Amino acid sequence: MEQMAKRSTWPRARTIIRAFFAGLVVLVLLFPGSGITTQPEQCFSVFGYGVPCDAWVSWAAGAATAGLVGLVLWMNDRRRH
């Protein structure tokens, strides 16, 4: 009787690394890195476009993106094997 290869339920290292970098990109894109205008209050990213002045928004978006990308890649990898 053949034994089936045991599949790991843990994500691979490359999946975790890809998810981390996707979250990092979102964090950098949304982080308020420069000047504030007062009427109305507006902050700008390091690339010069308007972003929310609350830094927690960029951290939350980065974490959510990393989690979502990691989940999608992990599910896709599990389906292939």
PDB file of N, CA and C in Angstrom:
ATOM      1  N   MET A   1       0.842  -1.162   0.000  1.00  0.00           N
ATOM      2  CA  MET A   1       0.000   0.000   0.000  1.00  0.00           C
ATOM      3  C   MET A   1       0.901   1.245   0.000  1.00  0.00           C
ATOM      4  N   GLU A   2       0.615   2.139  -0.888  1.00  0.00           N
ATOM      5  CA  GLU A   2       1.411   3.362  -0.992  1.00  0.00           C
ATOM      6  C   GLU A   2       0.983   4.362   0.063  1.00  0.00           C
ATOM      7  N   GLN A   3       1.973   5.005   0.622  1.00  0.00           N
ATOM      8  CA  GLN A   3       1.660   6.075   1.559  1.00  0.00           C
ATOM      9  C   GLN A   3       1.687   7.396   0.808  1.00  0.00           C
ATOM     10  N   MET A   4       0.686   8.174   1.054  1.00  0.00           N
ATOM     11  CA  MET A   4       0.643   9.491   0.410  1.00  0.00           C
ATOM     12  C   MET A   4       1.614  10.421   1.125  1.00  0.00           C
ATOM     13  N   ALA A   5       2.260  11.273   0.344  1.00  0.00           N
ATOM     14  CA  ALA A   5       3.176  12.250   0.935  1.00  0.00           C
ATOM     15  C   ALA A   5       2.378  13.202   1.814  1.00  0.00           C
ATOM     16  N   LYS A   6       2.895  13.422   2.990  1.00  0.00           N
ATOM     17  CA  LYS A   6       2.214  14.285   3.932  1.00  0.00           C
ATOM     18  C   LYS A   6       2.423  15.742   3.533  1.00  0.00           C
ATOM     19  N   ARG A   7       1.329  16.460   3.326  1.00  0.00           N
ATOM     20  CA  ARG A   7       1.412  17.873   2.968  1.00  0.00           C
ATOM     21  C   ARG A   7       1.524  18.716   4.214  1.00  0.00           C
ATOM     22  N   SER A   8       2.376  19.680   4.131  1.00  0.00           N
ATOM     23  CA  SER A   8       2.524  20.603   5.245  1.00  0.00           C
ATOM     24  C   SER A   8       1.386  21.616   5.210  1.00  0.00           C
ATOM     25  N   THR A   9       0.860  21.925   6.370  1.00  0.00           N
ATOM     26  CA  THR A   9      -0.199  22.930   6.433  1.00  0.00           C
ATOM     27  C   THR A   9       0.368  24.322   6.639  1.00  0.00           C
ATOM     28  N   TRP A  10       1.685  24.421   6.854  1.00  0.00           N
ATOM     29  CA  TRP A  10       2.338  25.712   7.055  1.00  0.00           C
ATOM     30  C   TRP A  10       2.723  26.318   5.716  1.00  0.00           C
ATOM     31  N   PRO A  11       2.648  27.650   5.616  1.00  0.00           N
ATOM     32  CA  PRO A  11       3.060  28.294   4.360  1.00  0.00           C
ATOM     33  C   PRO A  11       4.568  28.190   4.173  1.00  0.00           C
ATOM     34  N   ARG A  12       4.977  28.192   2.932  1.00  0.00           N
ATOM     35  CA  ARG A  12       6.395  28.147   2.618  1.00  0.00           C
ATOM     36  C   ARG A  12       7.042  29.493   2.919  1.00  0.00           C
ATOM     37  N   ALA A  13       8.355  29.480   3.031  1.00  0.00           N
ATOM     38  CA  ALA A  13       9.095  30.710   3.334  1.00  0.00           C
ATOM     39  C   ALA A  13       8.910  31.753   2.238  1.00  0.00           C
ATOM     40  N   ARG A  14       8.904  31.332   0.984  1.00  0.00           N
ATOM     41  CA  ARG A  14       8.745  32.308  -0.106  1.00  0.00           C
ATOM     42  C   ARG A  14       7.365  32.963  -0.068  1.00  0.00           C
ATOM     43  N   THR A  15       6.350  32.255   0.399  1.00  0.00           N
ATOM     44  CA  THR A  15       5.017  32.836   0.537  1.00  0.00           C
ATOM     45  C   THR A  15       5.032  33.922   1.609  1.00  0.00           C
ATOM     46  N   ILE A  16       5.678  33.654   2.704  1.00  0.00           N
ATOM     47  CA  ILE A  16       5.765  34.629   3.789  1.00  0.00           C
ATOM     48  C   ILE A  16       6.565  35.853   3.351  1.00  0.00           C
ATOM     49  N   ILE A  17       7.656  35.631   2.634  1.00  0.00           N
ATOM     50  CA  ILE A  17       8.483  36.739   2.168  1.00  0.00           C
ATOM     51  C   ILE A  17       7.722  37.606   1.174  1.00  0.00           C
ATOM     52  N   ARG A  18       7.019  36.997   0.245  1.00  0.00           N
ATOM     53  CA  ARG A  18       6.229  37.761  -0.734  1.00  0.00           C
ATOM     54  C   ARG A  18       5.143  38.575  -0.040  1.00  0.00           C
ATOM     55  N   ALA A  19       4.462  37.979   0.909  1.00  0.00           N
ATOM     56  CA  ALA A  19       3.410  38.687   1.634  1.00  0.00           C
ATOM     57  C   ALA A  19       3.984  39.855   2.424  1.00  0.00           C
ATOM     58  N   PHE A  20       5.137  39.641   3.067  1.00  0.00           N
ATOM     59  CA  PHE A  20       5.787  40.702   3.815  1.00  0.00           C
ATOM     60  C   PHE A  20       6.132  41.878   2.907  1.00  0.00           C
ATOM     61  N   PHE A  21       6.709  41.608   1.755  1.00  0.00           N
ATOM     62  CA  PHE A  21       7.082  42.688   0.847  1.00  0.00           C
ATOM     63  C   PHE A  21       5.858  43.399   0.265  1.00  0.00           C
ATOM     64  N   ALA A  22       4.779  42.679   0.018  1.00  0.00           N
ATOM     65  CA  ALA A  22       3.553  43.334  -0.450  1.00  0.00           C
ATOM     66  C   ALA A  22       3.028  44.293   0.611  1.00  0.00           C
ATOM     67  N   GLY A  23       3.033  43.869   1.863  1.00  0.00           N
ATOM     68  CA  GLY A  23       2.608  44.746   2.949  1.00  0.00           C
ATOM     69  C   GLY A  23       3.534  45.930   3.119  1.00  0.00           C
ATOM     70  N   LEU A  24       4.832  45.713   2.946  1.00  0.00           N
ATOM     71  CA  LEU A  24       5.802  46.790   3.058  1.00  0.00           C
ATOM     72  C   LEU A  24       5.609  47.833   1.964  1.00  0.00           C
ATOM     73  N   VAL A  25       5.306  47.400   0.759  1.00  0.00           N
ATOM     74  CA  VAL A  25       5.045  48.334  -0.345  1.00  0.00           C
ATOM     75  C   VAL A  25       3.835  49.208  -0.026  1.00  0.00           C
ATOM     76  N   VAL A  26       2.765  48.609   0.459  1.00  0.00           N
ATOM     77  CA  VAL A  26       1.575  49.381   0.808  1.00  0.00           C
ATOM     78  C   VAL A  26       1.887  50.361   1.933  1.00  0.00           C
ATOM     79  N   LEU A  27       2.640  49.929   2.924  1.00  0.00           N
ATOM     80  CA  LEU A  27       3.024  50.809   4.022  1.00  0.00           C
ATOM     81  C   LEU A  27       3.797  52.019   3.509  1.00  0.00           C
ATOM     82  N   VAL A  28       4.774  51.794   2.655  1.00  0.00           N
ATOM     83  CA  VAL A  28       5.578  52.901   2.122  1.00  0.00           C
ATOM     84  C   VAL A  28       4.724  53.838   1.271  1.00  0.00           C
ATOM     85  N   LEU A  29       3.820  53.275   0.492  1.00  0.00           N
ATOM     86  CA  LEU A  29       2.984  54.117  -0.372  1.00  0.00           C
ATOM     87  C   LEU A  29       2.012  54.990   0.419  1.00  0.00           C
ATOM     88  N   LEU A  30       1.543  54.506   1.557  1.00  0.00           N
ATOM     89  CA  LEU A  30       0.532  55.244   2.316  1.00  0.00           C
ATOM     90  C   LEU A  30       1.070  56.014   3.518  1.00  0.00           C
ATOM     91  N   PHE A  31       2.335  55.840   3.858  1.00  0.00           N
ATOM     92  CA  PHE A  31       2.870  56.482   5.055  1.00  0.00           C
ATOM     93  C   PHE A  31       3.005  57.987   4.846  1.00  0.00           C
ATOM     94  N   PRO A  32       2.478  58.788   5.785  1.00  0.00           N
ATOM     95  CA  PRO A  32       2.592  60.247   5.651  1.00  0.00           C
ATOM     96  C   PRO A  32       4.027  60.689   5.930  1.00  0.00           C
ATOM     97  N   GLY A  33       4.762  60.960   4.873  1.00  0.00           N
ATOM     98  CA  GLY A  33       6.181  61.228   5.032  1.00  0.00           C
ATOM     99  C   GLY A  33       6.588  62.676   4.995  1.00  0.00           C
ATOM    100  N   SER A  34       5.715  63.561   4.548  1.00  0.00           N
ATOM    101  CA  SER A  34       6.135  64.955   4.472  1.00  0.00           C
ATOM    102  C   SER A  34       4.970  65.887   4.753  1.00  0.00           C
ATOM    103  N   GLY A  35       5.234  67.156   4.673  1.00  0.00           N
ATOM    104  CA  GLY A  35       4.413  68.301   5.016  1.00  0.00           C
ATOM    105  C   GLY A  35       2.914  68.139   5.182  1.00  0.00           C
ATOM    106  N   ILE A  36       2.403  69.014   5.991  1.00  0.00           N
ATOM    107  CA  ILE A  36       0.975  69.062   6.276  1.00  0.00           C
ATOM    108  C   ILE A  36       0.454  70.423   5.846  1.00  0.00           C
ATOM    109  N   THR A  37      -0.624  70.419   5.085  1.00  0.00           N
ATOM    110  CA  THR A  37      -1.322  71.674   4.816  1.00  0.00           C
ATOM    111  C   THR A  37      -2.442  71.785   5.831  1.00  0.00           C
ATOM    112  N   THR A  38      -2.821  72.976   6.180  1.00  0.00           N
ATOM    113  CA  THR A  38      -3.787  73.140   7.263  1.00  0.00           C
ATOM    114  C   THR A  38      -5.223  73.293   6.805  1.00  0.00           C
ATOM    115  N   GLN A  39      -5.483  73.723   5.620  1.00  0.00           N
ATOM    116  CA  GLN A  39      -6.865  73.944   5.182  1.00  0.00           C
ATOM    117  C   GLN A  39      -7.168  73.182   3.919  1.00  0.00           C
ATOM    118  N   PRO A  40      -7.765  72.051   3.930  1.00  0.00           N
ATOM    119  CA  PRO A  40      -7.996  71.123   5.030  1.00  0.00           C
ATOM    120  C   PRO A  40      -6.704  70.392   5.362  1.00  0.00           C
ATOM    121  N   GLU A  41      -6.674  69.741   6.507  1.00  0.00           N
ATOM    122  CA  GLU A  41      -5.472  69.026   6.923  1.00  0.00           C
ATOM    123  C   GLU A  41      -5.174  67.912   5.928  1.00  0.00           C
ATOM    124  N   GLN A  42      -3.990  67.944   5.356  1.00  0.00           N
ATOM    125  CA  GLN A  42      -3.593  66.963   4.339  1.00  0.00           C
ATOM    126  C   GLN A  42      -2.115  66.664   4.477  1.00  0.00           C
ATOM    127  N   CYS A  43      -1.759  65.405   4.473  1.00  0.00           N
ATOM    128  CA  CYS A  43      -0.356  64.989   4.508  1.00  0.00           C
ATOM    129  C   CYS A  43       0.000  64.410   3.148  1.00  0.00           C
ATOM    130  N   PHE A  44       1.289  64.259   2.920  1.00  0.00           N
ATOM    131  CA  PHE A  44       1.758  63.761   1.638  1.00  0.00           C
ATOM    132  C   PHE A  44       2.696  62.586   1.839  1.00  0.00           C
ATOM    133  N   SER A  45       2.659  61.663   0.900  1.00  0.00           N
ATOM    134  CA  SER A  45       3.558  60.511   0.959  1.00  0.00           C
ATOM    135  C   SER A  45       4.945  60.934   0.507  1.00  0.00           C
ATOM    136  N   VAL A  46       5.886  60.013   0.582  1.00  0.00           N
ATOM    137  CA  VAL A  46       7.243  60.306   0.135  1.00  0.00           C
ATOM    138  C   VAL A  46       7.297  60.526  -1.374  1.00  0.00           C
ATOM    139  N   PHE A  47       6.244  60.123  -2.080  1.00  0.00           N
ATOM    140  CA  PHE A  47       6.181  60.311  -3.523  1.00  0.00           C
ATOM    141  C   PHE A  47       5.378  61.542  -3.920  1.00  0.00           C
ATOM    142  N   GLY A  48       4.854  62.278  -2.920  1.00  0.00           N
ATOM    143  CA  GLY A  48       4.219  63.562  -3.186  1.00  0.00           C
ATOM    144  C   GLY A  48       2.714  63.570  -3.375  1.00  0.00           C
ATOM    145  N   TYR A  49       2.036  62.480  -3.229  1.00  0.00           N
ATOM    146  CA  TYR A  49       0.582  62.500  -3.350  1.00  0.00           C
ATOM    147  C   TYR A  49      -0.065  62.492  -1.969  1.00  0.00           C
ATOM    148  N   GLY A  50      -1.317  62.938  -1.912  1.00  0.00           N
ATOM    149  CA  GLY A  50      -2.015  63.071  -0.644  1.00  0.00           C
ATOM    150  C   GLY A  50      -2.376  61.739  -0.008  1.00  0.00           C
ATOM    151  N   VAL A  51      -2.140  61.644   1.302  1.00  0.00           N
ATOM    152  CA  VAL A  51      -2.478  60.449   2.079  1.00  0.00           C
ATOM    153  C   VAL A  51      -3.081  60.900   3.403  1.00  0.00           C
ATOM    154  N   PRO A  52      -3.772  60.011   4.118  1.00  0.00           N
ATOM    155  CA  PRO A  52      -4.293  60.380   5.440  1.00  0.00           C
ATOM    156  C   PRO A  52      -3.152  60.733   6.403  1.00  0.00           C
ATOM    157  N   CYS A  53      -3.399  61.678   7.286  1.00  0.00           N
ATOM    158  CA  CYS A  53      -2.362  62.103   8.234  1.00  0.00           C
ATOM    159  C   CYS A  53      -2.163  61.118   9.386  1.00  0.00           C
ATOM    160  N   ASP A  54      -3.110  60.244   9.622  1.00  0.00           N
ATOM    161  CA  ASP A  54      -2.976  59.244  10.681  1.00  0.00           C
ATOM    162  C   ASP A  54      -2.088  58.107  10.197  1.00  0.00           C
ATOM    163  N   ALA A  55      -0.953  57.919  10.842  1.00  0.00           N
ATOM    164  CA  ALA A  55      -0.002  56.880  10.426  1.00  0.00           C
ATOM    165  C   ALA A  55      -0.564  55.478  10.642  1.00  0.00           C
ATOM    166  N   TRP A  56      -1.505  55.319  11.575  1.00  0.00           N
ATOM    167  CA  TRP A  56      -2.053  53.987  11.836  1.00  0.00           C
ATOM    168  C   TRP A  56      -2.769  53.425  10.613  1.00  0.00           C
ATOM    169  N   VAL A  57      -3.270  54.313   9.757  1.00  0.00           N
ATOM    170  CA  VAL A  57      -3.958  53.846   8.550  1.00  0.00           C
ATOM    171  C   VAL A  57      -2.979  53.103   7.643  1.00  0.00           C
ATOM    172  N   SER A  58      -1.783  53.642   7.485  1.00  0.00           N
ATOM    173  CA  SER A  58      -0.799  52.989   6.624  1.00  0.00           C
ATOM    174  C   SER A  58      -0.334  51.667   7.229  1.00  0.00           C
ATOM    175  N   TRP A  59      -0.144  51.627   8.557  1.00  0.00           N
ATOM    176  CA  TRP A  59       0.263  50.382   9.213  1.00  0.00           C
ATOM    177  C   TRP A  59      -0.831  49.321   9.093  1.00  0.00           C
ATOM    178  N   ALA A  60      -2.090  49.734   9.291  1.00  0.00           N
ATOM    179  CA  ALA A  60      -3.202  48.780   9.189  1.00  0.00           C
ATOM    180  C   ALA A  60      -3.357  48.268   7.761  1.00  0.00           C
ATOM    181  N   ALA A  61      -3.226  49.160   6.786  1.00  0.00           N
ATOM    182  CA  ALA A  61      -3.340  48.742   5.385  1.00  0.00           C
ATOM    183  C   ALA A  61      -2.198  47.807   5.006  1.00  0.00           C
ATOM    184  N   GLY A  62      -0.997  48.087   5.493  1.00  0.00           N
ATOM    185  CA  GLY A  62       0.140  47.207   5.214  1.00  0.00           C
ATOM    186  C   GLY A  62      -0.047  45.828   5.821  1.00  0.00           C
ATOM    187  N   ALA A  63      -0.512  45.782   7.057  1.00  0.00           N
ATOM    188  CA  ALA A  63      -0.746  44.497   7.717  1.00  0.00           C
ATOM    189  C   ALA A  63      -1.871  43.715   7.037  1.00  0.00           C
ATOM    190  N   ALA A  64      -2.938  44.413   6.674  1.00  0.00           N
ATOM    191  CA  ALA A  64      -4.056  43.746   5.993  1.00  0.00           C
ATOM    192  C   ALA A  64      -3.622  43.215   4.629  1.00  0.00           C
ATOM    193  N   THR A  65      -2.829  43.982   3.913  1.00  0.00           N
ATOM    194  CA  THR A  65      -2.345  43.542   2.606  1.00  0.00           C
ATOM    195  C   THR A  65      -1.444  42.326   2.747  1.00  0.00           C
ATOM    196  N   ALA A  66      -0.530  42.371   3.700  1.00  0.00           N
ATOM    197  CA  ALA A  66       0.360  41.228   3.923  1.00  0.00           C
ATOM    198  C   ALA A  66      -0.440  39.978   4.279  1.00  0.00           C
ATOM    199  N   GLY A  67      -1.429  40.129   5.148  1.00  0.00           N
ATOM    200  CA  GLY A  67      -2.260  38.992   5.524  1.00  0.00           C
ATOM    201  C   GLY A  67      -3.055  38.434   4.358  1.00  0.00           C
ATOM    202  N   LEU A  68      -3.653  39.309   3.571  1.00  0.00           N
ATOM    203  CA  LEU A  68      -4.463  38.868   2.439  1.00  0.00           C
ATOM    204  C   LEU A  68      -3.608  38.221   1.356  1.00  0.00           C
ATOM    205  N   VAL A  69      -2.484  38.839   1.012  1.00  0.00           N
ATOM    206  CA  VAL A  69      -1.594  38.262   0.003  1.00  0.00           C
ATOM    207  C   VAL A  69      -1.053  36.921   0.486  1.00  0.00           C
ATOM    208  N   GLY A  70      -0.656  36.843   1.746  1.00  0.00           N
ATOM    209  CA  GLY A  70      -0.175  35.574   2.293  1.00  0.00           C
ATOM    210  C   GLY A  70      -1.225  34.486   2.246  1.00  0.00           C
ATOM    211  N   LEU A  71      -2.443  34.828   2.596  1.00  0.00           N
ATOM    212  CA  LEU A  71      -3.531  33.841   2.566  1.00  0.00           C
ATOM    213  C   LEU A  71      -3.808  33.354   1.149  1.00  0.00           C
ATOM    214  N   VAL A  72      -3.854  34.268   0.205  1.00  0.00           N
ATOM    215  CA  VAL A  72      -4.127  33.891  -1.194  1.00  0.00           C
ATOM    216  C   VAL A  72      -3.004  33.011  -1.741  1.00  0.00           C
ATOM    217  N   LEU A  73      -1.756  33.394  -1.501  1.00  0.00           N
ATOM    218  CA  LEU A  73      -0.635  32.577  -1.978  1.00  0.00           C
ATOM    219  C   LEU A  73      -0.604  31.213  -1.312  1.00  0.00           C
ATOM    220  N   TRP A  74      -0.897  31.170  -0.020  1.00  0.00           N
ATOM    221  CA  TRP A  74      -0.909  29.903   0.704  1.00  0.00           C
ATOM    222  C   TRP A  74      -2.017  28.980   0.182  1.00  0.00           C
ATOM    223  N   MET A  75      -3.200  29.538  -0.022  1.00  0.00           N
ATOM    224  CA  MET A  75      -4.309  28.727  -0.539  1.00  0.00           C
ATOM    225  C   MET A  75      -4.005  28.235  -1.955  1.00  0.00           C
ATOM    226  N   ASN A  76      -3.402  29.085  -2.772  1.00  0.00           N
ATOM    227  CA  ASN A  76      -3.044  28.692  -4.131  1.00  0.00           C
ATOM    228  C   ASN A  76      -2.004  27.573  -4.116  1.00  0.00           C
ATOM    229  N   ASP A  77      -1.034  27.665  -3.214  1.00  0.00           N
ATOM    230  CA  ASP A  77      -0.006  26.639  -3.108  1.00  0.00           C
ATOM    231  C   ASP A  77      -0.589  25.319  -2.614  1.00  0.00           C
ATOM    232  N   ARG A  78      -1.505  25.380  -1.681  1.00  0.00           N
ATOM    233  CA  ARG A  78      -2.133  24.154  -1.171  1.00  0.00           C
ATOM    234  C   ARG A  78      -2.971  23.468  -2.247  1.00  0.00           C
ATOM    235  N   ARG A  79      -3.612  24.263  -3.105  1.00  0.00           N
ATOM    236  CA  ARG A  79      -4.459  23.688  -4.146  1.00  0.00           C
ATOM    237  C   ARG A  79      -3.629  22.961  -5.196  1.00  0.00           C
ATOM    238  N   ARG A  80      -2.418  23.466  -5.450  1.00  0.00           N
ATOM    239  CA  ARG A  80      -1.554  22.843  -6.466  1.00  0.00           C
ATOM    240  C   ARG A  80      -1.015  21.508  -6.032  1.00  0.00           C
ATOM    241  N   HIS A  81      -0.783  21.332  -4.753  1.00  0.00           N
ATOM    242  CA  HIS A  81      -0.143  20.094  -4.285  1.00  0.00           C
ATOM    243  C   HIS A  81      -1.124  19.146  -3.716  1.00  0.00           C
TER     244      HIS A  81
END
